[in-house]
N, C-alpha and C. Protein backbone atom coordinates (compact mmCIF):
# COMPACT_ATOMS: atom_id res chain seq x y z
N MET A 1 -15.45 -18.63 24.61
CA MET A 1 -14.47 -17.82 23.87
C MET A 1 -13.36 -18.72 23.33
N THR A 2 -13.01 -18.51 22.05
CA THR A 2 -11.90 -19.26 21.44
C THR A 2 -10.98 -18.26 20.76
N HIS A 3 -9.74 -18.67 20.53
CA HIS A 3 -8.77 -17.86 19.81
C HIS A 3 -7.96 -18.76 18.88
N GLU A 4 -7.86 -18.28 17.61
CA GLU A 4 -7.04 -18.95 16.61
C GLU A 4 -7.43 -20.41 16.44
N GLY A 5 -8.73 -20.68 16.43
CA GLY A 5 -9.19 -22.02 16.12
C GLY A 5 -8.99 -23.04 17.21
N THR A 6 -8.71 -22.62 18.45
CA THR A 6 -8.48 -23.56 19.54
C THR A 6 -9.80 -23.95 20.17
N GLU A 7 -9.74 -24.88 21.12
CA GLU A 7 -10.94 -25.27 21.86
C GLU A 7 -11.40 -24.10 22.73
N PRO A 8 -12.69 -24.06 23.10
CA PRO A 8 -13.18 -22.98 23.97
C PRO A 8 -12.36 -22.87 25.24
N LEU A 9 -12.06 -21.63 25.62
CA LEU A 9 -11.24 -21.39 26.80
C LEU A 9 -12.08 -21.46 28.07
N THR A 10 -11.47 -21.92 29.14
CA THR A 10 -12.15 -21.99 30.43
C THR A 10 -11.18 -21.58 31.53
N GLY A 11 -11.73 -21.30 32.73
CA GLY A 11 -10.91 -21.04 33.90
C GLY A 11 -9.92 -19.90 33.73
N ALA A 12 -8.68 -20.14 34.15
CA ALA A 12 -7.64 -19.11 34.13
C ALA A 12 -7.35 -18.64 32.71
N ALA A 13 -7.36 -19.56 31.74
CA ALA A 13 -7.09 -19.19 30.35
C ALA A 13 -8.16 -18.24 29.82
N LEU A 14 -9.41 -18.47 30.22
CA LEU A 14 -10.51 -17.60 29.79
C LEU A 14 -10.36 -16.21 30.39
N THR A 15 -10.01 -16.14 31.66
CA THR A 15 -9.81 -14.84 32.31
C THR A 15 -8.68 -14.07 31.63
N ARG A 16 -7.58 -14.76 31.36
CA ARG A 16 -6.44 -14.11 30.71
C ARG A 16 -6.84 -13.56 29.34
N ALA A 17 -7.58 -14.36 28.56
CA ALA A 17 -8.01 -13.94 27.23
C ALA A 17 -8.95 -12.74 27.32
N ARG A 18 -9.84 -12.75 28.30
CA ARG A 18 -10.77 -11.63 28.46
C ARG A 18 -10.03 -10.35 28.82
N VAL A 19 -9.00 -10.47 29.64
CA VAL A 19 -8.20 -9.29 30.01
C VAL A 19 -7.52 -8.71 28.77
N LEU A 20 -6.92 -9.56 27.95
CA LEU A 20 -6.25 -9.08 26.75
C LEU A 20 -7.23 -8.45 25.77
N ASP A 21 -8.39 -9.08 25.60
CA ASP A 21 -9.39 -8.52 24.70
C ASP A 21 -9.88 -7.18 25.21
N ALA A 22 -10.12 -7.09 26.52
CA ALA A 22 -10.59 -5.84 27.11
C ALA A 22 -9.53 -4.75 26.97
N ALA A 23 -8.27 -5.11 27.21
CA ALA A 23 -7.18 -4.14 27.10
C ALA A 23 -7.06 -3.63 25.66
N ALA A 24 -7.18 -4.52 24.69
CA ALA A 24 -7.09 -4.12 23.29
C ALA A 24 -8.20 -3.13 22.95
N ARG A 25 -9.41 -3.39 23.44
CA ARG A 25 -10.52 -2.48 23.16
C ARG A 25 -10.29 -1.12 23.80
N LEU A 26 -9.89 -1.11 25.06
CA LEU A 26 -9.72 0.15 25.77
C LEU A 26 -8.55 0.97 25.25
N ILE A 27 -7.43 0.30 24.99
CA ILE A 27 -6.26 1.02 24.49
C ILE A 27 -6.57 1.65 23.14
N GLY A 28 -7.36 0.94 22.33
CA GLY A 28 -7.72 1.46 21.02
C GLY A 28 -8.74 2.57 21.05
N THR A 29 -9.48 2.72 22.16
CA THR A 29 -10.53 3.73 22.22
C THR A 29 -10.18 4.91 23.14
N VAL A 30 -9.70 4.61 24.35
CA VAL A 30 -9.42 5.71 25.29
C VAL A 30 -7.93 5.99 25.43
N GLY A 31 -7.08 5.14 24.86
CA GLY A 31 -5.64 5.35 24.95
C GLY A 31 -5.00 4.57 26.09
N LEU A 32 -3.70 4.40 25.99
CA LEU A 32 -2.98 3.58 26.95
C LEU A 32 -2.97 4.19 28.35
N THR A 33 -2.80 5.50 28.45
CA THR A 33 -2.72 6.14 29.76
C THR A 33 -4.02 5.98 30.54
N ARG A 34 -5.15 6.14 29.88
CA ARG A 34 -6.45 6.06 30.56
C ARG A 34 -6.94 4.63 30.72
N ALA A 35 -6.30 3.69 30.04
CA ALA A 35 -6.68 2.28 30.18
C ALA A 35 -5.97 1.71 31.40
N THR A 36 -6.45 2.05 32.57
CA THR A 36 -5.84 1.58 33.81
C THR A 36 -6.16 0.11 34.04
N THR A 37 -5.41 -0.52 34.92
CA THR A 37 -5.71 -1.93 35.23
C THR A 37 -7.10 -2.06 35.84
N LYS A 38 -7.53 -1.04 36.58
CA LYS A 38 -8.88 -1.07 37.15
C LYS A 38 -9.94 -1.08 36.06
N GLU A 39 -9.75 -0.22 35.04
CA GLU A 39 -10.71 -0.16 33.94
C GLU A 39 -10.65 -1.41 33.09
N ILE A 40 -9.44 -1.93 32.88
CA ILE A 40 -9.30 -3.16 32.09
C ILE A 40 -10.01 -4.31 32.78
N ALA A 41 -9.81 -4.42 34.10
CA ALA A 41 -10.47 -5.49 34.86
C ALA A 41 -11.99 -5.35 34.79
N ARG A 42 -12.48 -4.12 34.91
CA ARG A 42 -13.93 -3.89 34.84
C ARG A 42 -14.46 -4.29 33.46
N GLU A 43 -13.75 -3.89 32.42
CA GLU A 43 -14.17 -4.24 31.05
C GLU A 43 -14.14 -5.74 30.83
N ALA A 44 -13.18 -6.42 31.46
CA ALA A 44 -13.03 -7.87 31.30
C ALA A 44 -13.99 -8.66 32.18
N GLY A 45 -14.64 -7.97 33.13
CA GLY A 45 -15.56 -8.65 34.03
C GLY A 45 -14.87 -9.46 35.11
N CYS A 46 -13.71 -8.96 35.57
CA CYS A 46 -12.99 -9.65 36.64
C CYS A 46 -12.46 -8.61 37.62
N SER A 47 -11.87 -9.07 38.69
CA SER A 47 -11.29 -8.17 39.67
C SER A 47 -9.86 -7.82 39.29
N GLU A 48 -9.34 -6.70 39.84
CA GLU A 48 -7.94 -6.37 39.62
C GLU A 48 -7.03 -7.46 40.18
N ALA A 49 -7.44 -8.09 41.27
CA ALA A 49 -6.65 -9.17 41.85
C ALA A 49 -6.51 -10.31 40.86
N ALA A 50 -7.59 -10.64 40.17
CA ALA A 50 -7.55 -11.71 39.17
C ALA A 50 -6.65 -11.32 38.01
N LEU A 51 -6.72 -10.04 37.64
CA LEU A 51 -5.86 -9.55 36.54
C LEU A 51 -4.39 -9.73 36.90
N TYR A 52 -4.03 -9.38 38.13
CA TYR A 52 -2.63 -9.45 38.53
C TYR A 52 -2.13 -10.88 38.75
N LYS A 53 -3.02 -11.84 38.73
CA LYS A 53 -2.58 -13.23 38.77
C LYS A 53 -1.96 -13.65 37.43
N HIS A 54 -2.30 -12.92 36.37
CA HIS A 54 -1.84 -13.27 35.04
C HIS A 54 -0.79 -12.31 34.48
N PHE A 55 -0.80 -11.06 34.97
CA PHE A 55 0.10 -10.04 34.42
C PHE A 55 0.72 -9.22 35.55
N ARG A 56 2.02 -8.92 35.39
CA ARG A 56 2.72 -8.17 36.42
C ARG A 56 2.24 -6.73 36.51
N ASP A 57 2.01 -6.12 35.32
CA ASP A 57 1.62 -4.71 35.28
C ASP A 57 0.97 -4.40 33.94
N LYS A 58 0.58 -3.16 33.77
CA LYS A 58 -0.09 -2.75 32.54
C LYS A 58 0.84 -2.86 31.34
N GLU A 59 2.12 -2.62 31.58
CA GLU A 59 3.08 -2.72 30.48
C GLU A 59 3.11 -4.14 29.91
N GLU A 60 3.09 -5.13 30.78
CA GLU A 60 3.08 -6.51 30.29
C GLU A 60 1.80 -6.80 29.51
N ILE A 61 0.68 -6.26 29.97
CA ILE A 61 -0.57 -6.44 29.25
C ILE A 61 -0.45 -5.84 27.85
N PHE A 62 0.12 -4.64 27.77
CA PHE A 62 0.30 -3.98 26.48
C PHE A 62 1.13 -4.83 25.53
N VAL A 63 2.27 -5.33 26.03
CA VAL A 63 3.15 -6.15 25.20
C VAL A 63 2.43 -7.39 24.71
N ARG A 64 1.65 -8.03 25.60
CA ARG A 64 0.94 -9.24 25.23
C ARG A 64 -0.18 -8.96 24.24
N VAL A 65 -0.82 -7.81 24.37
CA VAL A 65 -1.85 -7.44 23.39
C VAL A 65 -1.23 -7.32 22.01
N LEU A 66 -0.08 -6.65 21.92
CA LEU A 66 0.59 -6.50 20.63
C LEU A 66 1.00 -7.86 20.06
N ARG A 67 1.50 -8.73 20.93
CA ARG A 67 2.01 -10.01 20.45
C ARG A 67 0.91 -11.02 20.15
N GLU A 68 -0.19 -10.96 20.88
CA GLU A 68 -1.20 -12.01 20.77
C GLU A 68 -2.50 -11.57 20.13
N ARG A 69 -2.74 -10.26 20.02
CA ARG A 69 -4.01 -9.81 19.46
C ARG A 69 -3.83 -9.06 18.15
N ALA A 70 -2.61 -8.79 17.75
CA ALA A 70 -2.36 -8.14 16.47
C ALA A 70 -1.94 -9.20 15.45
N PRO A 71 -2.19 -8.95 14.16
CA PRO A 71 -1.72 -9.90 13.15
C PRO A 71 -0.23 -10.17 13.32
N ARG A 72 0.20 -11.39 13.06
CA ARG A 72 1.56 -11.82 13.39
C ARG A 72 2.57 -11.39 12.33
N LEU A 73 2.90 -10.12 12.31
CA LEU A 73 3.85 -9.62 11.33
C LEU A 73 5.24 -10.21 11.53
N ALA A 74 5.69 -10.29 12.80
CA ALA A 74 7.02 -10.83 13.08
C ALA A 74 7.13 -12.27 12.56
N ASP A 75 6.07 -13.05 12.78
CA ASP A 75 6.08 -14.43 12.30
C ASP A 75 6.13 -14.49 10.78
N ALA A 76 5.44 -13.55 10.14
CA ALA A 76 5.36 -13.56 8.67
C ALA A 76 6.71 -13.31 8.02
N VAL A 77 7.57 -12.52 8.68
CA VAL A 77 8.86 -12.19 8.06
C VAL A 77 10.02 -13.04 8.59
N ALA A 78 9.88 -13.58 9.80
CA ALA A 78 11.01 -14.30 10.40
C ALA A 78 11.43 -15.51 9.59
N GLY A 79 10.46 -16.21 9.00
CA GLY A 79 10.80 -17.41 8.24
C GLY A 79 11.11 -17.18 6.78
N LEU A 80 11.03 -15.94 6.33
CA LEU A 80 11.24 -15.66 4.91
C LEU A 80 12.62 -16.05 4.38
N PRO A 81 13.72 -15.72 5.08
CA PRO A 81 15.04 -16.08 4.53
C PRO A 81 15.16 -17.56 4.19
N GLY A 82 14.55 -18.41 5.00
CA GLY A 82 14.62 -19.84 4.74
C GLY A 82 13.77 -20.29 3.57
N ARG A 83 12.92 -19.41 3.05
CA ARG A 83 12.06 -19.76 1.92
C ARG A 83 12.60 -19.23 0.60
N ALA A 84 13.79 -18.62 0.64
CA ALA A 84 14.39 -18.10 -0.59
C ALA A 84 14.57 -19.22 -1.59
N GLY A 85 14.24 -18.94 -2.83
CA GLY A 85 14.36 -19.93 -3.90
C GLY A 85 13.09 -20.71 -4.13
N SER A 86 12.14 -20.65 -3.19
CA SER A 86 10.87 -21.35 -3.37
C SER A 86 9.81 -20.35 -3.81
N GLY A 87 8.77 -20.84 -4.46
CA GLY A 87 7.70 -19.95 -4.89
C GLY A 87 8.23 -18.82 -5.75
N THR A 88 7.64 -17.64 -5.59
CA THR A 88 8.11 -16.46 -6.31
C THR A 88 8.42 -15.36 -5.32
N VAL A 89 9.32 -14.48 -5.71
CA VAL A 89 9.65 -13.34 -4.85
C VAL A 89 8.41 -12.49 -4.64
N GLY A 90 7.68 -12.24 -5.72
CA GLY A 90 6.47 -11.43 -5.62
C GLY A 90 5.45 -12.04 -4.67
N GLY A 91 5.27 -13.35 -4.74
CA GLY A 91 4.31 -14.02 -3.87
C GLY A 91 4.67 -13.87 -2.41
N HIS A 92 5.95 -14.01 -2.09
CA HIS A 92 6.38 -13.86 -0.70
C HIS A 92 6.19 -12.42 -0.21
N LEU A 93 6.50 -11.46 -1.06
CA LEU A 93 6.35 -10.07 -0.65
C LEU A 93 4.88 -9.69 -0.47
N GLU A 94 4.01 -10.24 -1.30
CA GLU A 94 2.58 -9.97 -1.15
C GLU A 94 2.06 -10.52 0.18
N GLU A 95 2.56 -11.67 0.59
CA GLU A 95 2.17 -12.23 1.89
C GLU A 95 2.52 -11.26 3.01
N VAL A 96 3.71 -10.66 2.93
CA VAL A 96 4.14 -9.71 3.96
C VAL A 96 3.21 -8.51 4.00
N VAL A 97 2.88 -7.97 2.83
CA VAL A 97 2.03 -6.77 2.77
C VAL A 97 0.64 -7.07 3.33
N ARG A 98 0.11 -8.25 3.03
CA ARG A 98 -1.23 -8.61 3.52
C ARG A 98 -1.29 -8.66 5.05
N VAL A 99 -0.17 -8.99 5.67
CA VAL A 99 -0.13 -9.02 7.13
C VAL A 99 0.27 -7.66 7.70
N ALA A 100 1.19 -6.97 7.03
CA ALA A 100 1.76 -5.73 7.58
C ALA A 100 0.72 -4.62 7.71
N VAL A 101 -0.11 -4.45 6.69
CA VAL A 101 -1.09 -3.34 6.74
C VAL A 101 -2.06 -3.51 7.91
N PRO A 102 -2.73 -4.66 8.06
CA PRO A 102 -3.61 -4.80 9.23
C PRO A 102 -2.87 -4.77 10.57
N PHE A 103 -1.61 -5.25 10.59
CA PHE A 103 -0.84 -5.18 11.83
C PHE A 103 -0.65 -3.73 12.26
N TYR A 104 -0.20 -2.89 11.33
CA TYR A 104 0.03 -1.49 11.69
C TYR A 104 -1.29 -0.77 11.96
N ARG A 105 -2.32 -1.13 11.23
CA ARG A 105 -3.62 -0.49 11.46
C ARG A 105 -4.13 -0.80 12.87
N GLN A 106 -3.93 -2.02 13.32
CA GLN A 106 -4.41 -2.40 14.65
C GLN A 106 -3.51 -1.87 15.76
N SER A 107 -2.22 -1.80 15.51
CA SER A 107 -1.29 -1.42 16.59
C SER A 107 -1.08 0.09 16.69
N PHE A 108 -1.45 0.86 15.66
CA PHE A 108 -1.27 2.31 15.70
C PHE A 108 -1.89 2.97 16.93
N PRO A 109 -3.17 2.69 17.25
CA PRO A 109 -3.76 3.38 18.42
C PRO A 109 -3.01 3.05 19.71
N MET A 110 -2.57 1.81 19.86
CA MET A 110 -1.83 1.43 21.06
C MET A 110 -0.44 2.06 21.07
N ALA A 111 0.22 2.03 19.93
CA ALA A 111 1.56 2.60 19.86
C ALA A 111 1.52 4.11 20.06
N GLY A 112 0.47 4.77 19.54
CA GLY A 112 0.35 6.21 19.74
C GLY A 112 0.26 6.57 21.20
N SER A 113 -0.50 5.77 21.95
CA SER A 113 -0.60 6.01 23.38
C SER A 113 0.73 5.77 24.07
N LEU A 114 1.46 4.77 23.61
CA LEU A 114 2.75 4.46 24.22
C LEU A 114 3.74 5.61 24.00
N PHE A 115 3.75 6.18 22.80
CA PHE A 115 4.67 7.27 22.51
C PHE A 115 4.32 8.54 23.28
N ALA A 116 3.08 8.63 23.73
CA ALA A 116 2.67 9.79 24.52
C ALA A 116 3.20 9.72 25.95
N SER A 117 3.74 8.57 26.34
CA SER A 117 4.28 8.40 27.69
C SER A 117 5.73 7.98 27.60
N PRO A 118 6.68 8.91 27.72
CA PRO A 118 8.11 8.56 27.62
C PRO A 118 8.53 7.47 28.60
N GLU A 119 7.92 7.48 29.80
CA GLU A 119 8.29 6.47 30.79
C GLU A 119 7.88 5.07 30.33
N LEU A 120 6.64 4.96 29.84
CA LEU A 120 6.16 3.66 29.37
C LEU A 120 6.92 3.22 28.13
N LEU A 121 7.24 4.17 27.26
CA LEU A 121 8.00 3.83 26.06
C LEU A 121 9.37 3.28 26.43
N ALA A 122 10.03 3.93 27.38
CA ALA A 122 11.35 3.47 27.81
C ALA A 122 11.26 2.09 28.44
N ALA A 123 10.22 1.87 29.26
CA ALA A 123 10.05 0.56 29.90
C ALA A 123 9.78 -0.51 28.85
N HIS A 124 8.96 -0.19 27.88
CA HIS A 124 8.64 -1.13 26.80
C HIS A 124 9.90 -1.47 26.00
N ARG A 125 10.71 -0.46 25.71
CA ARG A 125 11.94 -0.67 24.95
C ARG A 125 12.91 -1.57 25.71
N ARG A 126 12.99 -1.36 27.01
CA ARG A 126 13.88 -2.20 27.82
C ARG A 126 13.41 -3.65 27.85
N LYS A 127 12.10 -3.84 27.94
CA LYS A 127 11.58 -5.20 28.00
C LYS A 127 11.77 -5.93 26.68
N LEU A 128 11.70 -5.20 25.57
CA LEU A 128 11.90 -5.83 24.27
C LEU A 128 13.35 -6.25 24.07
N GLY A 129 14.28 -5.49 24.64
CA GLY A 129 15.69 -5.80 24.45
C GLY A 129 16.06 -5.72 22.98
N ASP A 130 16.65 -6.80 22.46
CA ASP A 130 17.06 -6.81 21.06
C ASP A 130 15.92 -7.25 20.14
N ALA A 131 14.77 -7.60 20.71
CA ALA A 131 13.66 -8.08 19.90
C ALA A 131 12.75 -6.94 19.49
N GLY A 132 13.36 -5.84 19.01
CA GLY A 132 12.60 -4.64 18.67
C GLY A 132 12.00 -4.68 17.28
N PRO A 133 11.24 -3.63 16.93
CA PRO A 133 10.54 -3.58 15.64
C PRO A 133 11.45 -3.54 14.42
N HIS A 134 12.73 -3.25 14.63
CA HIS A 134 13.65 -3.22 13.48
C HIS A 134 13.79 -4.58 12.82
N HIS A 135 13.42 -5.65 13.55
CA HIS A 135 13.58 -6.99 12.98
C HIS A 135 12.64 -7.23 11.80
N VAL A 136 11.54 -6.49 11.72
CA VAL A 136 10.63 -6.68 10.59
C VAL A 136 11.34 -6.38 9.28
N SER A 137 11.97 -5.21 9.19
CA SER A 137 12.67 -4.87 7.95
C SER A 137 13.96 -5.64 7.80
N SER A 138 14.63 -5.98 8.91
CA SER A 138 15.91 -6.70 8.78
C SER A 138 15.69 -8.13 8.29
N HIS A 139 14.63 -8.80 8.76
CA HIS A 139 14.33 -10.14 8.25
C HIS A 139 13.97 -10.09 6.78
N LEU A 140 13.20 -9.08 6.40
CA LEU A 140 12.83 -8.94 5.00
C LEU A 140 14.06 -8.67 4.14
N ALA A 141 14.96 -7.83 4.64
CA ALA A 141 16.21 -7.56 3.92
C ALA A 141 17.05 -8.82 3.79
N ASP A 142 17.10 -9.64 4.84
CA ASP A 142 17.85 -10.90 4.78
C ASP A 142 17.27 -11.82 3.71
N TYR A 143 15.95 -11.82 3.61
CA TYR A 143 15.31 -12.64 2.57
C TYR A 143 15.73 -12.15 1.18
N LEU A 144 15.67 -10.83 0.96
CA LEU A 144 16.05 -10.29 -0.35
C LEU A 144 17.51 -10.56 -0.65
N ARG A 145 18.35 -10.53 0.39
CA ARG A 145 19.77 -10.84 0.22
C ARG A 145 19.95 -12.28 -0.23
N ALA A 146 19.18 -13.18 0.38
CA ALA A 146 19.25 -14.59 0.02
C ALA A 146 18.82 -14.80 -1.43
N GLU A 147 17.79 -14.07 -1.85
CA GLU A 147 17.34 -14.17 -3.24
C GLU A 147 18.38 -13.58 -4.19
N GLN A 148 19.10 -12.57 -3.73
CA GLN A 148 20.20 -12.03 -4.53
C GLN A 148 21.25 -13.09 -4.80
N ARG A 149 21.60 -13.83 -3.78
CA ARG A 149 22.63 -14.87 -3.93
C ARG A 149 22.17 -15.96 -4.90
N LEU A 150 20.87 -16.15 -4.98
CA LEU A 150 20.32 -17.16 -5.89
C LEU A 150 20.10 -16.61 -7.29
N GLY A 151 20.35 -15.32 -7.47
CA GLY A 151 20.20 -14.72 -8.78
C GLY A 151 18.79 -14.35 -9.15
N ARG A 152 17.88 -14.29 -8.17
CA ARG A 152 16.49 -13.95 -8.48
C ARG A 152 16.18 -12.48 -8.19
N VAL A 153 17.09 -11.80 -7.52
CA VAL A 153 16.95 -10.37 -7.25
C VAL A 153 18.20 -9.68 -7.77
N ARG A 154 18.01 -8.53 -8.37
CA ARG A 154 19.10 -7.81 -9.01
C ARG A 154 20.25 -7.55 -8.04
N ALA A 155 21.48 -7.77 -8.50
CA ALA A 155 22.66 -7.67 -7.64
C ALA A 155 22.92 -6.25 -7.17
N GLY A 156 22.54 -5.26 -7.94
CA GLY A 156 22.89 -3.88 -7.61
C GLY A 156 21.99 -3.19 -6.60
N ILE A 157 20.89 -3.82 -6.21
CA ILE A 157 19.97 -3.13 -5.29
C ILE A 157 20.41 -3.32 -3.84
N ASP A 158 20.00 -2.40 -3.00
CA ASP A 158 20.30 -2.48 -1.56
C ASP A 158 19.11 -3.16 -0.87
N PRO A 159 19.28 -4.39 -0.37
CA PRO A 159 18.16 -5.11 0.25
C PRO A 159 17.55 -4.37 1.44
N ASP A 160 18.39 -3.67 2.21
CA ASP A 160 17.86 -2.94 3.37
C ASP A 160 16.96 -1.80 2.92
N ALA A 161 17.38 -1.08 1.89
CA ALA A 161 16.56 0.03 1.39
C ALA A 161 15.26 -0.50 0.78
N ALA A 162 15.34 -1.61 0.05
CA ALA A 162 14.15 -2.18 -0.56
C ALA A 162 13.15 -2.64 0.50
N ALA A 163 13.68 -3.25 1.57
CA ALA A 163 12.81 -3.70 2.66
C ALA A 163 12.14 -2.51 3.34
N MET A 164 12.88 -1.44 3.56
CA MET A 164 12.32 -0.24 4.17
C MET A 164 11.24 0.37 3.29
N LEU A 165 11.45 0.35 1.99
CA LEU A 165 10.45 0.90 1.07
C LEU A 165 9.13 0.15 1.20
N LEU A 166 9.20 -1.17 1.25
CA LEU A 166 7.97 -1.97 1.31
C LEU A 166 7.27 -1.81 2.66
N ILE A 167 8.02 -1.93 3.75
CA ILE A 167 7.42 -1.80 5.08
C ILE A 167 6.92 -0.38 5.30
N GLY A 168 7.67 0.60 4.81
CA GLY A 168 7.24 1.99 4.94
C GLY A 168 5.93 2.26 4.21
N ALA A 169 5.76 1.65 3.05
CA ALA A 169 4.52 1.81 2.30
C ALA A 169 3.34 1.23 3.07
N CYS A 170 3.55 0.07 3.70
CA CYS A 170 2.49 -0.56 4.50
C CYS A 170 2.14 0.31 5.70
N PHE A 171 3.15 0.87 6.33
CA PHE A 171 2.97 1.74 7.50
C PHE A 171 2.13 2.96 7.12
N HIS A 172 2.47 3.58 6.00
CA HIS A 172 1.76 4.79 5.57
C HIS A 172 0.33 4.47 5.16
N ARG A 173 0.13 3.33 4.51
CA ARG A 173 -1.22 2.93 4.12
C ARG A 173 -2.11 2.75 5.36
N ALA A 174 -1.57 2.07 6.36
CA ALA A 174 -2.34 1.86 7.59
C ALA A 174 -2.66 3.19 8.25
N PHE A 175 -1.70 4.12 8.26
CA PHE A 175 -1.93 5.44 8.85
C PHE A 175 -3.06 6.17 8.13
N LEU A 176 -3.05 6.14 6.81
CA LEU A 176 -4.09 6.83 6.04
C LEU A 176 -5.47 6.23 6.31
N GLU A 177 -5.54 4.90 6.35
CA GLU A 177 -6.82 4.25 6.59
C GLU A 177 -7.37 4.62 7.96
N LEU A 178 -6.51 4.71 8.96
CA LEU A 178 -6.95 5.09 10.30
C LEU A 178 -7.30 6.57 10.37
N PHE A 179 -6.50 7.39 9.74
CA PHE A 179 -6.70 8.83 9.80
C PHE A 179 -8.04 9.24 9.19
N TYR A 180 -8.35 8.66 8.03
CA TYR A 180 -9.57 9.04 7.32
C TYR A 180 -10.78 8.22 7.71
N ALA A 181 -10.55 7.03 8.28
CA ALA A 181 -11.66 6.13 8.62
C ALA A 181 -12.56 5.98 7.41
N ASP A 182 -13.84 6.29 7.54
CA ASP A 182 -14.77 6.18 6.41
C ASP A 182 -15.02 7.52 5.74
N GLU A 183 -14.13 8.50 5.98
CA GLU A 183 -14.36 9.84 5.45
C GLU A 183 -13.23 10.29 4.53
N ALA A 184 -12.58 9.36 3.87
CA ALA A 184 -11.46 9.71 3.00
C ALA A 184 -11.96 10.49 1.78
N PRO A 185 -11.35 11.63 1.48
CA PRO A 185 -11.74 12.35 0.27
C PRO A 185 -11.34 11.57 -0.97
N ALA A 186 -11.96 11.89 -2.08
CA ALA A 186 -11.68 11.18 -3.33
C ALA A 186 -10.19 11.23 -3.64
N GLY A 187 -9.62 10.08 -3.92
CA GLY A 187 -8.21 10.01 -4.29
C GLY A 187 -7.25 9.94 -3.13
N ALA A 188 -7.75 10.00 -1.90
CA ALA A 188 -6.84 9.96 -0.75
C ALA A 188 -6.19 8.59 -0.60
N LEU A 189 -6.94 7.54 -0.91
CA LEU A 189 -6.41 6.18 -0.85
C LEU A 189 -6.25 5.64 -2.26
N ARG A 190 -5.04 5.61 -2.70
CA ARG A 190 -4.74 5.05 -4.03
C ARG A 190 -3.62 4.05 -3.89
N PRO A 191 -3.84 2.82 -4.36
CA PRO A 191 -5.06 2.22 -4.89
C PRO A 191 -6.19 2.21 -3.85
N ALA A 192 -7.42 2.13 -4.33
CA ALA A 192 -8.56 2.28 -3.45
C ALA A 192 -8.76 1.08 -2.52
N THR A 193 -8.51 -0.12 -3.02
CA THR A 193 -8.77 -1.31 -2.21
C THR A 193 -7.46 -1.89 -1.68
N THR A 194 -7.58 -2.65 -0.60
CA THR A 194 -6.40 -3.29 -0.01
C THR A 194 -5.78 -4.27 -0.99
N GLY A 195 -6.63 -5.02 -1.69
CA GLY A 195 -6.11 -6.00 -2.65
C GLY A 195 -5.28 -5.35 -3.74
N GLU A 196 -5.76 -4.23 -4.25
CA GLU A 196 -5.01 -3.51 -5.27
C GLU A 196 -3.71 -2.95 -4.70
N PHE A 197 -3.78 -2.49 -3.47
CA PHE A 197 -2.57 -1.96 -2.84
C PHE A 197 -1.50 -3.03 -2.75
N VAL A 198 -1.91 -4.24 -2.35
CA VAL A 198 -0.96 -5.35 -2.22
C VAL A 198 -0.25 -5.60 -3.54
N THR A 199 -1.02 -5.80 -4.60
CA THR A 199 -0.43 -6.19 -5.88
C THR A 199 0.36 -5.06 -6.53
N THR A 200 -0.18 -3.84 -6.52
CA THR A 200 0.52 -2.75 -7.20
C THR A 200 1.76 -2.29 -6.45
N THR A 201 1.71 -2.31 -5.12
CA THR A 201 2.88 -1.90 -4.35
C THR A 201 4.03 -2.89 -4.53
N VAL A 202 3.70 -4.17 -4.44
CA VAL A 202 4.74 -5.20 -4.64
C VAL A 202 5.27 -5.12 -6.07
N GLN A 203 4.40 -4.92 -7.06
CA GLN A 203 4.86 -4.86 -8.44
C GLN A 203 5.79 -3.67 -8.65
N ALA A 204 5.47 -2.54 -8.02
CA ALA A 204 6.33 -1.36 -8.15
C ALA A 204 7.73 -1.65 -7.62
N LEU A 205 7.80 -2.38 -6.50
CA LEU A 205 9.10 -2.75 -5.94
C LEU A 205 9.81 -3.75 -6.84
N LEU A 206 9.07 -4.74 -7.32
CA LEU A 206 9.68 -5.77 -8.16
C LEU A 206 10.27 -5.19 -9.44
N ASP A 207 9.62 -4.19 -9.98
CA ASP A 207 10.12 -3.58 -11.21
C ASP A 207 11.52 -3.01 -11.01
N GLY A 208 11.84 -2.71 -9.73
CA GLY A 208 13.15 -2.14 -9.47
C GLY A 208 14.19 -3.13 -8.98
N ILE A 209 13.75 -4.33 -8.51
CA ILE A 209 14.73 -5.24 -7.91
C ILE A 209 14.92 -6.56 -8.64
N LEU A 210 13.92 -6.99 -9.41
CA LEU A 210 14.05 -8.30 -10.04
C LEU A 210 15.02 -8.28 -11.22
N VAL A 211 15.67 -9.41 -11.41
CA VAL A 211 16.50 -9.57 -12.60
C VAL A 211 15.58 -9.62 -13.81
N PRO A 212 15.81 -8.79 -14.81
CA PRO A 212 14.93 -8.81 -15.99
C PRO A 212 15.01 -10.16 -16.70
N PRO A 213 13.89 -10.62 -17.28
CA PRO A 213 13.92 -11.90 -17.98
C PRO A 213 14.80 -11.82 -19.21
N HIS A 214 15.38 -12.96 -19.57
CA HIS A 214 16.24 -12.98 -20.77
C HIS A 214 15.38 -12.81 -22.01
N PRO A 215 15.87 -12.02 -22.96
CA PRO A 215 15.09 -11.82 -24.19
C PRO A 215 14.99 -13.12 -24.97
């Protein structure tokens, strides 16, 4: 077993990876509440004792699944402010959309299970502290603010609102894809393909925020 192009895993690292993979599968199919540590260990082919050598509890497993098995949305937006002025605004925003849609699509089943348990949700929120999901839109807004200062984004727009519009569109797209699976009625997914969604959604936002070219 390998992850992210690394060398094949062995020993403790292999067990840990198998637990996370098993947890991701179970949480996505039977839900977080029914994905007990006993079931996760069975799915991973190890004992519960071995599981607890790597993770304190199921909550930690859940957090690690989100951080290590979902597309790295936080990483995609955290470095954006420092890239202001390079490349194009549209290119940077398209990169975010390409990561955001699969991130939300993969994390929805796990997050849905978490919201079904107020106790687990509260514990998860406490463990995150200030590193909560709001940072996705706030980092994106900081990037747009930096581009405003450079004169590449229109001065009159609200960067926070623009960031919410883009992330919200990605969130809704992922929800629709999961809700309909392969049974979407005609016209339910517009644009039809992910690639078209990336380009047209970003272009719609750019039409409202970019400084118009000089005549």
